[in-house]
């Protein structure tokens, strides 16, 4: 255990703590560490699609999403560097968060997933079941949730 760790980050306080915990584990056990952020695919109506197409021409919406993702991953990378982790990487995936995380863990043969107990979708998580709960149920590897 703790040879190949995936840490899910979304910019929430819980995911910042998860990044710290995952970085400490990776440094202590000389494990591979991948910071993963997953964004949901946007489902929008035709009017919004046309607006998004216009925004793409100016780079507006896509630029904002890219900047947010970059800031989230930069914070995680800084955490890993402070902890002395050697050889970490980052990944961005699009899809349903829980399923995407579990599929990524299986594809990369991760032995541990570290994630915050609650993320930025807190209200949705309370109503529909949190992503961390779903990942814990679906994953074939160990899952560490950080409060």
N, C-alpha and C. Protein backbone atom coordinates (compact mmCIF):
# COMPACT_ATOMS: atom_id res chain seq x y z
N UNK A 1 0.83 -1.18 0.00
CA UNK A 1 0.00 0.00 0.00
C UNK A 1 0.88 1.25 0.00
N UNK A 2 0.36 2.34 -0.52
CA UNK A 2 1.04 3.62 -0.63
C UNK A 2 2.23 3.57 -1.59
N UNK A 3 2.03 2.93 -2.74
CA UNK A 3 3.04 2.96 -3.80
C UNK A 3 2.59 3.86 -4.95
N UNK A 4 1.28 3.96 -5.15
CA UNK A 4 0.73 4.73 -6.26
C UNK A 4 -0.54 5.42 -5.76
N UNK A 5 -0.42 6.70 -5.43
CA UNK A 5 -1.49 7.45 -4.78
C UNK A 5 -2.11 8.43 -5.77
N UNK A 6 -3.44 8.47 -5.78
CA UNK A 6 -4.16 9.50 -6.51
C UNK A 6 -4.79 10.41 -5.47
N UNK A 7 -4.61 11.71 -5.63
CA UNK A 7 -5.24 12.67 -4.74
C UNK A 7 -6.18 13.54 -5.56
N UNK A 8 -7.45 13.52 -5.20
CA UNK A 8 -8.47 14.29 -5.91
C UNK A 8 -8.55 15.69 -5.32
N UNK A 9 -8.43 16.70 -6.16
CA UNK A 9 -8.46 18.08 -5.70
C UNK A 9 -9.50 18.87 -6.49
N UNK A 10 -10.22 19.74 -5.76
CA UNK A 10 -11.25 20.56 -6.40
C UNK A 10 -11.26 22.00 -5.90
N UNK A 11 -10.27 22.36 -5.08
CA UNK A 11 -10.20 23.73 -4.57
C UNK A 11 -10.90 23.94 -3.24
N UNK A 12 -11.58 22.93 -2.73
CA UNK A 12 -12.25 23.06 -1.43
C UNK A 12 -11.23 22.93 -0.30
N UNK A 13 -11.63 23.37 0.89
CA UNK A 13 -10.73 23.23 2.05
C UNK A 13 -10.43 21.77 2.34
N UNK A 14 -11.41 20.92 2.18
CA UNK A 14 -11.19 19.49 2.42
C UNK A 14 -10.19 18.92 1.42
N UNK A 15 -10.25 19.36 0.17
CA UNK A 15 -9.30 18.83 -0.81
C UNK A 15 -7.90 19.39 -0.58
N UNK A 16 -7.80 20.60 -0.03
CA UNK A 16 -6.48 21.14 0.32
C UNK A 16 -5.85 20.28 1.42
N UNK A 17 -6.67 19.87 2.38
CA UNK A 17 -6.17 18.99 3.45
C UNK A 17 -5.83 17.61 2.89
N UNK A 18 -6.60 17.16 1.91
CA UNK A 18 -6.31 15.88 1.27
C UNK A 18 -4.97 15.96 0.53
N UNK A 19 -4.71 17.08 -0.13
CA UNK A 19 -3.43 17.26 -0.84
C UNK A 19 -2.27 17.20 0.15
N UNK A 20 -2.46 17.80 1.31
CA UNK A 20 -1.42 17.76 2.34
C UNK A 20 -1.19 16.33 2.82
N UNK A 21 -2.27 15.62 3.11
CA UNK A 21 -2.16 14.23 3.59
C UNK A 21 -1.53 13.33 2.54
N UNK A 22 -1.96 13.47 1.29
CA UNK A 22 -1.42 12.64 0.21
C UNK A 22 0.06 12.95 -0.01
N UNK A 23 0.42 14.21 0.08
CA UNK A 23 1.83 14.60 -0.10
C UNK A 23 2.70 14.02 1.01
N UNK A 24 2.19 14.07 2.23
CA UNK A 24 2.95 13.50 3.35
C UNK A 24 3.10 11.98 3.19
N UNK A 25 2.04 11.31 2.78
CA UNK A 25 2.12 9.86 2.54
C UNK A 25 3.12 9.54 1.43
N UNK A 26 3.02 10.28 0.32
CA UNK A 26 3.91 10.02 -0.82
C UNK A 26 5.37 10.26 -0.43
N UNK A 27 5.63 11.31 0.33
CA UNK A 27 7.00 11.60 0.75
C UNK A 27 7.51 10.51 1.70
N UNK A 28 6.68 10.12 2.63
CA UNK A 28 7.10 9.12 3.62
C UNK A 28 7.35 7.75 3.00
N UNK A 29 6.50 7.33 2.06
CA UNK A 29 6.61 6.00 1.48
C UNK A 29 7.24 6.00 0.08
N UNK A 30 7.76 7.16 -0.33
CA UNK A 30 8.38 7.30 -1.65
C UNK A 30 7.45 6.77 -2.75
N UNK A 31 6.19 7.18 -2.66
CA UNK A 31 5.16 6.71 -3.59
C UNK A 31 4.99 7.66 -4.77
N UNK A 32 4.47 7.12 -5.87
CA UNK A 32 4.06 7.96 -6.98
C UNK A 32 2.80 8.71 -6.54
N UNK A 33 2.70 9.98 -6.94
CA UNK A 33 1.55 10.79 -6.56
C UNK A 33 1.01 11.50 -7.79
N UNK A 34 -0.29 11.36 -8.00
CA UNK A 34 -0.96 12.06 -9.09
C UNK A 34 -2.10 12.88 -8.50
N UNK A 35 -2.08 14.18 -8.77
CA UNK A 35 -3.20 15.04 -8.39
C UNK A 35 -4.19 15.03 -9.53
N UNK A 36 -5.43 14.69 -9.22
CA UNK A 36 -6.48 14.57 -10.23
C UNK A 36 -7.59 15.56 -9.94
N UNK A 37 -7.97 16.32 -10.95
CA UNK A 37 -9.16 17.16 -10.83
C UNK A 37 -10.13 16.75 -11.92
N UNK A 38 -11.38 16.63 -11.54
CA UNK A 38 -12.42 16.17 -12.47
C UNK A 38 -13.50 17.24 -12.56
N UNK A 39 -13.81 17.63 -13.77
CA UNK A 39 -14.90 18.58 -13.98
C UNK A 39 -16.06 17.87 -14.65
N UNK A 40 -17.25 18.24 -14.25
CA UNK A 40 -18.44 17.65 -14.86
C UNK A 40 -18.62 18.21 -16.26
N UNK A 41 -19.15 17.39 -17.12
CA UNK A 41 -19.50 17.85 -18.45
C UNK A 41 -20.74 18.72 -18.31
N UNK A 42 -20.69 19.91 -18.91
CA UNK A 42 -21.82 20.82 -18.81
C UNK A 42 -22.95 20.38 -19.73
N UNK A 43 -24.15 20.32 -19.19
CA UNK A 43 -25.33 20.03 -20.00
C UNK A 43 -26.09 21.34 -20.12
N UNK A 44 -26.16 21.86 -21.35
CA UNK A 44 -26.78 23.17 -21.55
C UNK A 44 -27.75 23.12 -22.72
N UNK A 45 -28.68 24.08 -22.71
CA UNK A 45 -29.64 24.15 -23.81
C UNK A 45 -29.01 24.86 -25.02
N UNK A 46 -29.74 24.92 -26.11
CA UNK A 46 -29.21 25.47 -27.36
C UNK A 46 -28.79 26.93 -27.24
N UNK A 47 -29.57 27.74 -26.54
CA UNK A 47 -29.23 29.16 -26.38
C UNK A 47 -27.89 29.31 -25.66
N UNK A 48 -27.71 28.53 -24.62
CA UNK A 48 -26.45 28.59 -23.87
C UNK A 48 -25.31 28.07 -24.73
N UNK A 49 -25.56 27.01 -25.52
CA UNK A 49 -24.52 26.49 -26.41
C UNK A 49 -24.05 27.56 -27.39
N UNK A 50 -25.00 28.33 -27.95
CA UNK A 50 -24.61 29.41 -28.88
C UNK A 50 -23.78 30.45 -28.15
N UNK A 51 -24.17 30.79 -26.92
CA UNK A 51 -23.41 31.76 -26.13
C UNK A 51 -21.99 31.23 -25.86
N UNK A 52 -21.91 29.96 -25.51
CA UNK A 52 -20.60 29.37 -25.23
C UNK A 52 -19.74 29.39 -26.49
N UNK A 53 -20.33 29.11 -27.64
CA UNK A 53 -19.57 29.17 -28.89
C UNK A 53 -19.01 30.57 -29.10
N UNK A 54 -19.82 31.60 -28.82
CA UNK A 54 -19.33 32.97 -28.93
C UNK A 54 -18.21 33.23 -27.93
N UNK A 55 -18.38 32.72 -26.72
CA UNK A 55 -17.35 32.88 -25.70
C UNK A 55 -16.06 32.18 -26.10
N UNK A 56 -16.18 31.03 -26.75
CA UNK A 56 -14.99 30.31 -27.19
C UNK A 56 -14.18 31.15 -28.16
N UNK A 57 -14.89 31.90 -29.01
CA UNK A 57 -14.19 32.75 -29.96
C UNK A 57 -13.32 33.76 -29.24
N UNK A 58 -13.80 34.28 -28.13
CA UNK A 58 -13.02 35.25 -27.38
C UNK A 58 -12.20 34.58 -26.28
N UNK A 59 -12.40 33.29 -26.07
CA UNK A 59 -11.65 32.56 -25.04
C UNK A 59 -12.19 32.76 -23.65
N UNK A 60 -13.35 33.38 -23.49
CA UNK A 60 -13.88 33.74 -22.17
C UNK A 60 -14.11 32.59 -21.22
N UNK A 61 -15.13 31.80 -21.47
CA UNK A 61 -15.51 30.73 -20.55
C UNK A 61 -14.42 29.68 -20.40
N UNK A 62 -13.88 29.26 -21.52
CA UNK A 62 -12.83 28.24 -21.49
C UNK A 62 -11.61 28.75 -20.71
N UNK A 63 -11.28 30.01 -20.91
CA UNK A 63 -10.15 30.62 -20.22
C UNK A 63 -10.38 30.59 -18.70
N UNK A 64 -11.58 30.96 -18.27
CA UNK A 64 -11.88 30.99 -16.84
C UNK A 64 -11.77 29.59 -16.24
N UNK A 65 -12.34 28.59 -16.91
CA UNK A 65 -12.26 27.21 -16.41
C UNK A 65 -10.82 26.72 -16.36
N UNK A 66 -10.04 27.02 -17.39
CA UNK A 66 -8.63 26.62 -17.41
C UNK A 66 -7.86 27.28 -16.27
N UNK A 67 -8.13 28.56 -16.04
CA UNK A 67 -7.44 29.28 -14.96
C UNK A 67 -7.78 28.70 -13.59
N UNK A 68 -9.06 28.39 -13.37
CA UNK A 68 -9.47 27.80 -12.10
C UNK A 68 -8.78 26.46 -11.88
N UNK A 69 -8.77 25.64 -12.90
CA UNK A 69 -8.14 24.32 -12.80
C UNK A 69 -6.65 24.47 -12.54
N UNK A 70 -6.02 25.40 -13.23
CA UNK A 70 -4.59 25.62 -13.04
C UNK A 70 -4.29 26.07 -11.62
N UNK A 71 -5.11 26.95 -11.05
CA UNK A 71 -4.89 27.41 -9.68
C UNK A 71 -5.05 26.26 -8.68
N UNK A 72 -6.04 25.41 -8.90
CA UNK A 72 -6.26 24.26 -8.01
C UNK A 72 -5.05 23.34 -8.05
N UNK A 73 -4.57 23.03 -9.25
CA UNK A 73 -3.44 22.11 -9.38
C UNK A 73 -2.14 22.76 -8.91
N UNK A 74 -1.97 24.07 -9.12
CA UNK A 74 -0.77 24.75 -8.63
C UNK A 74 -0.67 24.68 -7.11
N UNK A 75 -1.80 24.84 -6.43
CA UNK A 75 -1.80 24.75 -4.96
C UNK A 75 -1.41 23.34 -4.52
N UNK A 76 -1.92 22.33 -5.21
CA UNK A 76 -1.58 20.95 -4.87
C UNK A 76 -0.10 20.68 -5.13
N UNK A 77 0.41 21.17 -6.26
CA UNK A 77 1.83 20.97 -6.58
C UNK A 77 2.72 21.64 -5.53
N UNK A 78 2.35 22.83 -5.09
CA UNK A 78 3.14 23.53 -4.07
C UNK A 78 3.17 22.72 -2.78
N UNK A 79 2.07 22.11 -2.45
CA UNK A 79 1.99 21.27 -1.25
C UNK A 79 2.95 20.09 -1.37
N UNK A 80 2.94 19.43 -2.52
CA UNK A 80 3.84 18.28 -2.75
C UNK A 80 5.30 18.71 -2.67
N UNK A 81 5.61 19.85 -3.24
CA UNK A 81 6.99 20.34 -3.21
C UNK A 81 7.43 20.64 -1.79
N UNK A 82 6.54 21.27 -0.99
CA UNK A 82 6.87 21.56 0.41
C UNK A 82 7.15 20.29 1.20
N UNK A 83 6.44 19.22 0.87
CA UNK A 83 6.61 17.94 1.58
C UNK A 83 7.78 17.12 1.04
N UNK A 84 8.39 17.57 -0.03
CA UNK A 84 9.54 16.86 -0.59
C UNK A 84 9.19 15.66 -1.44
N UNK A 85 8.00 15.68 -2.04
CA UNK A 85 7.59 14.57 -2.91
C UNK A 85 8.40 14.63 -4.20
N UNK A 86 8.94 13.47 -4.57
CA UNK A 86 9.69 13.38 -5.82
C UNK A 86 8.80 12.77 -6.89
N UNK A 87 8.74 13.41 -8.04
CA UNK A 87 8.04 12.82 -9.18
C UNK A 87 6.54 12.72 -9.05
N UNK A 88 5.86 13.83 -8.90
CA UNK A 88 4.40 13.82 -8.91
C UNK A 88 3.92 14.39 -10.24
N UNK A 89 2.66 14.12 -10.57
CA UNK A 89 2.11 14.68 -11.80
C UNK A 89 0.67 15.11 -11.57
N UNK A 90 0.10 15.77 -12.57
CA UNK A 90 -1.27 16.24 -12.48
C UNK A 90 -2.07 15.75 -13.69
N UNK A 91 -3.36 15.55 -13.47
CA UNK A 91 -4.26 15.12 -14.54
C UNK A 91 -5.57 15.87 -14.40
N UNK A 92 -6.17 16.20 -15.54
CA UNK A 92 -7.49 16.82 -15.58
C UNK A 92 -8.38 15.92 -16.43
N UNK A 93 -9.52 15.54 -15.89
CA UNK A 93 -10.47 14.69 -16.61
C UNK A 93 -11.85 15.34 -16.58
N UNK A 94 -12.66 15.01 -17.57
CA UNK A 94 -14.03 15.51 -17.64
C UNK A 94 -14.98 14.33 -17.58
N UNK A 95 -15.98 14.43 -16.73
CA UNK A 95 -16.97 13.37 -16.63
C UNK A 95 -17.64 13.36 -15.27
N UNK A 96 -18.49 12.39 -15.03
CA UNK A 96 -19.10 12.26 -13.70
C UNK A 96 -17.99 12.00 -12.68
N UNK A 97 -17.85 12.85 -11.65
CA UNK A 97 -16.69 12.77 -10.77
C UNK A 97 -16.39 11.39 -10.18
N UNK A 98 -17.33 10.77 -9.51
CA UNK A 98 -17.03 9.49 -8.84
C UNK A 98 -16.59 8.42 -9.82
N UNK A 99 -17.35 8.25 -10.86
CA UNK A 99 -17.02 7.21 -11.85
C UNK A 99 -15.69 7.51 -12.54
N UNK A 100 -15.45 8.78 -12.85
CA UNK A 100 -14.20 9.16 -13.52
C UNK A 100 -13.00 8.90 -12.62
N UNK A 101 -13.13 9.21 -11.34
CA UNK A 101 -12.05 8.97 -10.38
C UNK A 101 -11.75 7.48 -10.28
N UNK A 102 -12.78 6.67 -10.13
CA UNK A 102 -12.60 5.22 -9.98
C UNK A 102 -11.99 4.62 -11.25
N UNK A 103 -12.47 5.04 -12.41
CA UNK A 103 -11.91 4.53 -13.67
C UNK A 103 -10.45 4.93 -13.83
N UNK A 104 -10.12 6.16 -13.46
CA UNK A 104 -8.73 6.61 -13.54
C UNK A 104 -7.86 5.79 -12.59
N UNK A 105 -8.34 5.53 -11.39
CA UNK A 105 -7.59 4.73 -10.41
C UNK A 105 -7.34 3.32 -10.95
N UNK A 106 -8.34 2.74 -11.58
CA UNK A 106 -8.18 1.39 -12.14
C UNK A 106 -7.18 1.40 -13.29
N UNK A 107 -7.30 2.39 -14.17
CA UNK A 107 -6.40 2.48 -15.33
C UNK A 107 -4.95 2.66 -14.93
N UNK A 108 -4.72 3.43 -13.87
CA UNK A 108 -3.35 3.72 -13.45
C UNK A 108 -2.85 2.77 -12.37
N UNK A 109 -3.68 1.79 -12.01
CA UNK A 109 -3.33 0.80 -10.99
C UNK A 109 -2.97 1.45 -9.64
N UNK A 110 -3.74 2.46 -9.27
CA UNK A 110 -3.53 3.12 -7.98
C UNK A 110 -3.88 2.17 -6.85
N UNK A 111 -3.13 2.27 -5.76
CA UNK A 111 -3.47 1.46 -4.59
C UNK A 111 -4.19 2.28 -3.53
N UNK A 112 -4.19 3.61 -3.69
CA UNK A 112 -4.84 4.48 -2.71
C UNK A 112 -5.39 5.72 -3.40
N UNK A 113 -6.60 6.10 -3.03
CA UNK A 113 -7.19 7.37 -3.44
C UNK A 113 -7.35 8.20 -2.18
N UNK A 114 -6.84 9.43 -2.22
CA UNK A 114 -6.99 10.35 -1.10
C UNK A 114 -7.86 11.50 -1.58
N UNK A 115 -8.89 11.82 -0.81
CA UNK A 115 -9.79 12.89 -1.23
C UNK A 115 -10.45 13.54 -0.02
N UNK A 116 -10.94 14.74 -0.22
CA UNK A 116 -11.67 15.43 0.84
C UNK A 116 -13.02 14.78 1.07
N UNK A 117 -13.49 14.87 2.29
CA UNK A 117 -14.79 14.29 2.62
C UNK A 117 -15.91 15.04 1.91
N UNK A 118 -15.78 16.32 1.80
CA UNK A 118 -16.74 17.15 1.07
C UNK A 118 -15.98 18.06 0.13
N UNK A 119 -16.54 18.28 -1.03
CA UNK A 119 -15.90 19.14 -2.02
C UNK A 119 -16.70 20.40 -2.26
N UNK A 120 -16.44 21.02 -3.40
CA UNK A 120 -17.12 22.27 -3.73
C UNK A 120 -18.59 22.05 -4.03
N UNK A 121 -19.00 20.85 -4.39
CA UNK A 121 -20.40 20.55 -4.67
C UNK A 121 -21.13 20.10 -3.41
N UNK A 122 -20.91 20.77 -2.30
CA UNK A 122 -21.39 20.34 -0.99
C UNK A 122 -22.91 20.15 -0.93
N UNK A 123 -23.68 21.09 -1.47
CA UNK A 123 -25.14 20.98 -1.41
C UNK A 123 -25.61 19.79 -2.22
N UNK A 124 -25.08 19.66 -3.43
CA UNK A 124 -25.45 18.52 -4.27
C UNK A 124 -25.05 17.22 -3.59
N UNK A 125 -23.88 17.20 -2.98
CA UNK A 125 -23.42 16.00 -2.29
C UNK A 125 -24.34 15.61 -1.15
N UNK A 126 -24.82 16.58 -0.42
CA UNK A 126 -25.72 16.30 0.69
C UNK A 126 -27.04 15.71 0.20
N UNK A 127 -27.49 16.16 -0.96
CA UNK A 127 -28.77 15.69 -1.49
C UNK A 127 -28.65 14.35 -2.22
N UNK A 128 -27.59 14.16 -2.98
CA UNK A 128 -27.49 13.01 -3.86
C UNK A 128 -26.48 11.96 -3.40
N UNK A 129 -25.75 12.23 -2.35
CA UNK A 129 -24.69 11.32 -1.94
C UNK A 129 -23.37 11.88 -2.39
N UNK A 130 -22.46 12.05 -1.49
CA UNK A 130 -21.21 12.72 -1.82
C UNK A 130 -20.34 11.89 -2.76
N UNK A 131 -19.49 12.60 -3.48
CA UNK A 131 -18.55 11.94 -4.38
C UNK A 131 -17.64 11.00 -3.59
N UNK A 132 -17.18 11.46 -2.42
CA UNK A 132 -16.29 10.61 -1.63
C UNK A 132 -16.99 9.32 -1.20
N UNK A 133 -18.25 9.40 -0.87
CA UNK A 133 -19.00 8.19 -0.49
C UNK A 133 -19.12 7.24 -1.68
N UNK A 134 -19.43 7.79 -2.85
CA UNK A 134 -19.55 6.95 -4.05
C UNK A 134 -18.22 6.31 -4.40
N UNK A 135 -17.13 7.09 -4.32
CA UNK A 135 -15.81 6.54 -4.64
C UNK A 135 -15.47 5.43 -3.66
N UNK A 136 -15.74 5.65 -2.38
CA UNK A 136 -15.47 4.61 -1.37
C UNK A 136 -16.21 3.32 -1.67
N UNK A 137 -17.42 3.45 -2.18
CA UNK A 137 -18.23 2.27 -2.50
C UNK A 137 -17.77 1.57 -3.76
N UNK A 138 -17.32 2.33 -4.76
CA UNK A 138 -17.01 1.77 -6.07
C UNK A 138 -15.55 1.34 -6.26
N UNK A 139 -14.64 1.97 -5.54
CA UNK A 139 -13.21 1.74 -5.78
C UNK A 139 -12.76 0.37 -5.29
N UNK A 140 -11.87 -0.24 -6.05
CA UNK A 140 -11.30 -1.52 -5.64
C UNK A 140 -10.03 -1.34 -4.81
N UNK A 141 -9.54 -0.11 -4.73
CA UNK A 141 -8.35 0.18 -3.92
C UNK A 141 -8.78 0.90 -2.63
N UNK A 142 -7.82 1.17 -1.78
CA UNK A 142 -8.11 1.89 -0.54
C UNK A 142 -8.49 3.33 -0.81
N UNK A 143 -9.39 3.87 0.00
CA UNK A 143 -9.82 5.26 -0.13
C UNK A 143 -9.67 5.93 1.23
N UNK A 144 -8.93 7.03 1.26
CA UNK A 144 -8.74 7.80 2.48
C UNK A 144 -9.50 9.11 2.30
N UNK A 145 -10.48 9.37 3.17
CA UNK A 145 -11.19 10.64 3.11
C UNK A 145 -10.70 11.54 4.23
N UNK A 146 -10.46 12.79 3.89
CA UNK A 146 -9.88 13.74 4.82
C UNK A 146 -10.91 14.82 5.13
N UNK A 147 -11.05 15.11 6.40
CA UNK A 147 -12.04 16.10 6.85
C UNK A 147 -11.40 17.46 6.98
